[in-house]
């Protein structure tokens, strides 16, 4: 991977977080604390989390703050919060993706909004980052919903290959708290880091050189279009506030619009 990518400064990057991570009486009271600092949100679509009223409220919160909205899709696993692996064939996985994206698209349309991206959750996110065919099936399903939707996924060669071969826009996502291997893939077996100063230094390295620290003591060059900020972290709000002092986040589509010359 280091032979393909080059060190370069990142001028524009998206900050995203998850929303509607509740269901029924089980409420996530802390998730809104990041809304004032992100440029896009991923709204749960009812499978791993999110009931109809929660989804509606999340959409309206995002609309009020003028934040880009995306669908947060997961396995049909409300009890396990989408963290349990499910082995689905391509037809089942495609239907699972389209069902969730379609539901949020319709909800958004009712309030004069459009969704702009799709981001897998939990076990589905990991599965897509490790299995080319799974990621390809997700991409195809997203395109069937709309050719304009962006596929958000873990940075890496699988996402890049799927984007090129399926002719779909992809956004390579980086996590400041996660550990990466030498190839630039997330080490899902490693514990998340909850040290704000170390994560902020990682952000500086990412913006200056497109690099992440790896688990063998070095640095690996990666693609980075968006940074995911997780409410699960005890230092989530502190981290994103300090991150905003370093770089003003921009939605991924705005970044593309700048490249096209439509905006300054």
Protein backbone atom coordinates (compact mmCIF):
# COMPACT_ATOMS: atom_id res chain seq x y z
CA UNK A 1 0.00 0.00 0.00
CA UNK A 2 2.85 2.39 0.77
CA UNK A 3 4.15 1.84 -2.75
CA UNK A 4 0.88 3.10 -4.24
CA UNK A 5 0.01 6.07 -2.04
CA UNK A 6 2.10 9.17 -1.52
CA UNK A 7 2.55 11.45 1.45
CA UNK A 8 0.48 14.57 1.02
CA UNK A 9 -1.24 17.19 3.13
CA UNK A 10 -5.00 16.82 3.52
CA UNK A 11 -6.73 20.18 3.13
CA UNK A 12 -10.36 19.13 3.57
CA UNK A 13 -11.81 16.30 5.60
CA UNK A 14 -15.26 15.30 6.86
CA UNK A 15 -16.11 14.59 10.51
CA UNK A 16 -18.92 12.08 11.00
CA UNK A 17 -20.73 10.48 13.92
CA UNK A 18 -23.66 8.09 14.42
CA UNK A 19 -27.17 9.13 15.41
CA UNK A 20 -30.46 7.43 16.33
CA UNK A 21 -28.56 4.75 18.23
CA UNK A 22 -31.59 4.09 20.42
CA UNK A 23 -34.61 1.84 20.38
CA UNK A 24 -37.88 2.04 22.30
CA UNK A 25 -37.16 2.64 25.99
CA UNK A 26 -33.43 2.21 25.46
CA UNK A 27 -32.24 5.75 24.86
CA UNK A 28 -28.76 7.04 24.04
CA UNK A 29 -28.80 10.34 25.86
CA UNK A 30 -25.21 11.28 25.00
CA UNK A 31 -25.13 10.92 21.23
CA UNK A 32 -26.30 14.49 20.48
CA UNK A 33 -23.24 15.92 22.24
CA UNK A 34 -21.20 15.65 19.02
CA UNK A 35 -23.75 17.23 16.68
CA UNK A 36 -22.36 20.74 16.98
CA UNK A 37 -18.94 19.58 15.76
CA UNK A 38 -19.50 17.14 12.87
CA UNK A 39 -20.16 17.84 9.20
CA UNK A 40 -22.16 14.64 8.58
CA UNK A 41 -24.18 12.11 10.56
CA UNK A 42 -25.06 8.47 10.03
CA UNK A 43 -28.65 7.75 11.08
CA UNK A 44 -29.51 4.21 12.18
CA UNK A 45 -32.23 2.67 10.05
CA UNK A 46 -34.03 0.34 12.48
CA UNK A 47 -32.11 -2.94 12.23
CA UNK A 48 -29.27 -2.62 14.75
CA UNK A 49 -30.82 0.48 16.35
CA UNK A 50 -33.33 3.25 15.65
CA UNK A 51 -37.10 3.12 15.84
CA UNK A 52 -39.38 5.28 13.63
CA UNK A 53 -39.75 8.14 16.11
CA UNK A 54 -36.02 8.14 16.94
CA UNK A 55 -35.18 8.25 13.23
CA UNK A 56 -37.57 11.15 12.67
CA UNK A 57 -36.12 13.11 15.58
CA UNK A 58 -32.55 12.46 14.38
CA UNK A 59 -33.37 13.70 10.88
CA UNK A 60 -34.91 16.88 12.23
CA UNK A 61 -31.92 17.48 14.52
CA UNK A 62 -29.59 17.17 11.56
CA UNK A 63 -31.79 19.44 9.44
CA UNK A 64 -31.85 22.11 12.15
CA UNK A 65 -28.06 22.11 12.33
CA UNK A 66 -27.63 21.85 8.53
CA UNK A 67 -25.62 18.63 8.74
CA UNK A 68 -25.28 16.15 5.88
CA UNK A 69 -27.29 12.96 6.49
CA UNK A 70 -26.42 9.36 5.67
CA UNK A 71 -27.91 5.92 6.33
CA UNK A 72 -26.27 3.83 9.05
CA UNK A 73 -27.00 0.23 8.07
CA UNK A 74 -26.38 -2.92 10.07
CA UNK A 75 -27.29 -6.55 10.50
CA UNK A 76 -30.85 -7.29 11.68
CA UNK A 77 -29.65 -7.67 15.26
CA UNK A 78 -31.38 -5.30 17.63
CA UNK A 79 -30.51 -7.44 20.66
CA UNK A 80 -26.81 -7.51 19.85
CA UNK A 81 -26.68 -3.91 18.61
CA UNK A 82 -25.39 -5.17 15.27
CA UNK A 83 -22.11 -6.39 16.71
CA UNK A 84 -22.75 -10.09 16.02
CA UNK A 85 -21.60 -11.52 12.71
CA UNK A 86 -24.31 -12.93 10.42
CA UNK A 87 -23.57 -15.03 7.38
CA UNK A 88 -25.90 -13.86 4.60
CA UNK A 89 -25.79 -14.74 0.93
CA UNK A 90 -25.50 -11.96 -1.62
CA UNK A 91 -29.25 -11.76 -2.25
CA UNK A 92 -30.04 -11.51 1.47
CA UNK A 93 -27.35 -8.87 2.04
CA UNK A 94 -28.49 -6.79 -0.91
CA UNK A 95 -32.07 -6.82 0.35
CA UNK A 96 -30.93 -5.90 3.87
CA UNK A 97 -29.03 -2.87 2.55
CA UNK A 98 -31.78 -1.68 0.21
CA UNK A 99 -34.50 -2.05 2.87
CA UNK A 100 -32.66 0.20 5.33
CA UNK A 101 -31.48 2.78 2.82
CA UNK A 102 -34.93 2.96 1.26
CA UNK A 103 -36.58 3.52 4.61
CA UNK A 104 -34.33 6.45 5.48
CA UNK A 105 -34.59 7.94 1.98
CA UNK A 106 -38.38 8.01 2.25
CA UNK A 107 -38.27 9.45 5.76
CA UNK A 108 -35.86 12.16 4.63
CA UNK A 109 -37.97 13.03 1.59
CA UNK A 110 -40.97 13.65 3.86
CA UNK A 111 -39.01 16.44 5.54
CA UNK A 112 -37.52 17.96 2.41
CA UNK A 113 -34.13 16.28 2.88
CA UNK A 114 -31.87 13.98 0.90
CA UNK A 115 -29.46 11.36 2.20
CA UNK A 116 -26.00 11.56 0.71
CA UNK A 117 -24.12 8.51 1.95
CA UNK A 118 -24.38 5.01 3.41
CA UNK A 119 -22.16 3.71 6.22
CA UNK A 120 -22.19 0.13 7.54
CA UNK A 121 -22.25 -0.46 11.30
CA UNK A 122 -20.54 -2.84 13.68
CA UNK A 123 -20.08 -6.38 12.43
CA UNK A 124 -21.20 -5.41 8.93
CA UNK A 125 -18.60 -2.61 8.83
CA UNK A 126 -15.87 -5.02 9.81
CA UNK A 127 -17.07 -7.72 7.42
CA UNK A 128 -17.07 -5.26 4.52
CA UNK A 129 -13.55 -4.08 5.37
CA UNK A 130 -12.22 -7.65 5.28
CA UNK A 131 -14.23 -9.33 2.51
CA UNK A 132 -14.16 -7.99 -1.03
CA UNK A 133 -17.35 -9.73 -2.14
CA UNK A 134 -19.31 -8.50 0.86
CA UNK A 135 -18.17 -4.95 0.19
CA UNK A 136 -19.01 -5.36 -3.50
CA UNK A 137 -22.54 -6.55 -2.67
CA UNK A 138 -23.08 -3.55 -0.39
CA UNK A 139 -21.87 -1.19 -3.13
CA UNK A 140 -24.18 -2.72 -5.72
CA UNK A 141 -27.15 -2.45 -3.37
CA UNK A 142 -26.35 1.20 -2.62
CA UNK A 143 -26.20 1.97 -6.35
CA UNK A 144 -29.61 0.36 -6.87
CA UNK A 145 -31.03 2.83 -4.35
CA UNK A 146 -29.31 5.81 -5.99
CA UNK A 147 -26.24 6.24 -8.16
CA UNK A 148 -25.45 9.46 -6.29
CA UNK A 149 -25.01 7.90 -2.86
CA UNK A 150 -21.50 7.70 -1.39
CA UNK A 151 -20.30 4.48 0.22
CA UNK A 152 -18.51 5.23 3.51
CA UNK A 153 -16.20 2.46 4.71
CA UNK A 154 -12.95 1.65 6.47
CA UNK A 155 -9.99 3.01 4.53
CA UNK A 156 -8.14 0.39 2.53
CA UNK A 157 -7.61 -1.41 -0.72
CA UNK A 158 -10.92 -3.30 -0.59
CA UNK A 159 -12.94 -0.08 -0.52
CA UNK A 160 -10.75 1.45 -3.23
CA UNK A 161 -11.14 -1.60 -5.48
CA UNK A 162 -14.90 -1.73 -5.03
CA UNK A 163 -15.22 1.96 -5.76
CA UNK A 164 -13.27 1.63 -8.99
CA UNK A 165 -14.81 -1.62 -10.22
CA UNK A 166 -18.41 -0.76 -9.32
CA UNK A 167 -18.12 2.89 -10.37
CA UNK A 168 -19.43 4.20 -7.06
CA UNK A 169 -18.15 7.12 -5.01
CA UNK A 170 -16.44 5.91 -1.85
CA UNK A 171 -15.27 7.82 1.21
CA UNK A 172 -12.29 6.33 3.01
CA UNK A 173 -12.85 6.62 6.75
CA UNK A 174 -10.20 6.81 9.48
CA UNK A 175 -10.59 6.45 13.27
CA UNK A 176 -8.26 8.33 15.58
CA UNK A 177 -8.76 5.83 18.41
CA UNK A 178 -8.23 2.59 16.52
CA UNK A 179 -5.03 0.64 15.93
CA UNK A 180 -3.94 -0.02 12.33
CA UNK A 181 -1.72 -2.73 10.91
CA UNK A 182 1.21 -2.21 8.56
CA UNK A 183 -1.07 -2.41 5.50
CA UNK A 184 -3.33 0.35 6.84
CA UNK A 185 -6.21 -1.88 7.90
CA UNK A 186 -7.93 -1.64 11.29
CA UNK A 187 -6.75 -4.17 13.86
CA UNK A 188 -10.18 -5.08 15.21
CA UNK A 189 -8.66 -7.26 17.94
CA UNK A 190 -6.93 -4.26 19.55
CA UNK A 191 -8.53 -2.13 22.22
CA UNK A 192 -9.57 1.40 21.28
CA UNK A 193 -7.31 4.18 22.51
CA UNK A 194 -8.94 6.81 24.73
CA UNK A 195 -6.09 9.29 25.07
CA UNK A 196 -6.95 12.70 23.65
CA UNK A 197 -3.40 14.01 23.26
CA UNK A 198 -2.26 10.90 21.36
CA UNK A 199 -5.34 11.00 19.13
CA UNK A 200 -4.79 14.68 18.36
CA UNK A 201 -1.20 13.96 17.36
CA UNK A 202 -2.55 11.21 15.11
CA UNK A 203 -4.85 13.77 13.54
CA UNK A 204 -1.92 16.09 12.85
CA UNK A 205 0.04 13.23 11.24
CA UNK A 206 -2.97 12.32 9.14
CA UNK A 207 -3.55 15.87 7.92
CA UNK A 208 0.13 16.63 7.27
CA UNK A 209 1.29 13.35 5.75
CA UNK A 210 -1.76 11.08 5.19
CA UNK A 211 -0.27 8.70 7.76
CA UNK A 212 -1.58 6.61 10.65
CA UNK A 213 0.49 4.97 13.35
CA UNK A 214 0.63 1.19 12.91
CA UNK A 215 0.94 -1.70 15.34
CA UNK A 216 4.59 -2.39 14.55
CA UNK A 217 5.79 1.02 15.70
CA UNK A 218 5.85 2.78 12.35
CA UNK A 219 3.47 4.77 10.17
CA UNK A 220 1.44 3.77 7.14
CA UNK A 221 0.10 6.05 4.43
CA UNK A 222 -3.67 5.81 4.02
CA UNK A 223 -6.48 7.44 2.10
CA UNK A 224 -8.59 9.68 4.33
CA UNK A 225 -11.82 11.44 3.33
CA UNK A 226 -13.64 11.32 6.67
CA UNK A 227 -12.92 10.80 10.36
CA UNK A 228 -15.41 8.89 12.47
CA UNK A 229 -15.96 10.10 16.03
CA UNK A 230 -17.53 7.52 18.32
CA UNK A 231 -19.82 8.42 21.21
CA UNK A 232 -18.67 5.25 22.93
CA UNK A 233 -15.39 6.91 23.85
CA UNK A 234 -15.20 8.56 27.25
CA UNK A 235 -13.23 11.45 25.71
CA UNK A 236 -15.38 11.79 22.55
CA UNK A 237 -16.51 15.39 23.08
CA UNK A 238 -13.11 16.60 24.28
CA UNK A 239 -11.46 14.95 21.29
CA UNK A 240 -13.74 16.39 18.64
CA UNK A 241 -13.59 19.90 20.15
CA UNK A 242 -9.80 19.84 19.98
CA UNK A 243 -9.93 18.35 16.49
CA UNK A 244 -12.13 21.25 15.33
CA UNK A 245 -9.46 23.67 16.55
CA UNK A 246 -7.04 22.07 14.09
CA UNK A 247 -9.26 21.66 11.04
CA UNK A 248 -12.74 22.85 10.06
CA UNK A 249 -14.57 19.77 8.75
CA UNK A 250 -16.34 19.81 5.40
CA UNK A 251 -18.87 17.28 4.06
CA UNK A 252 -17.43 14.87 1.53
CA UNK A 253 -19.64 16.16 -1.28
CA UNK A 254 -18.49 19.70 -0.59
CA UNK A 255 -14.93 18.49 -1.03
CA UNK A 256 -15.87 17.08 -4.44
CA UNK A 257 -17.66 20.29 -5.36
CA UNK A 258 -14.49 22.25 -4.61
CA UNK A 259 -12.53 20.00 -6.96
CA UNK A 260 -15.08 20.56 -9.71
CA UNK A 261 -14.78 24.34 -9.45
CA UNK A 262 -18.38 24.92 -8.43
CA UNK A 263 -17.43 26.37 -5.04
CA UNK A 264 -14.34 28.11 -3.67
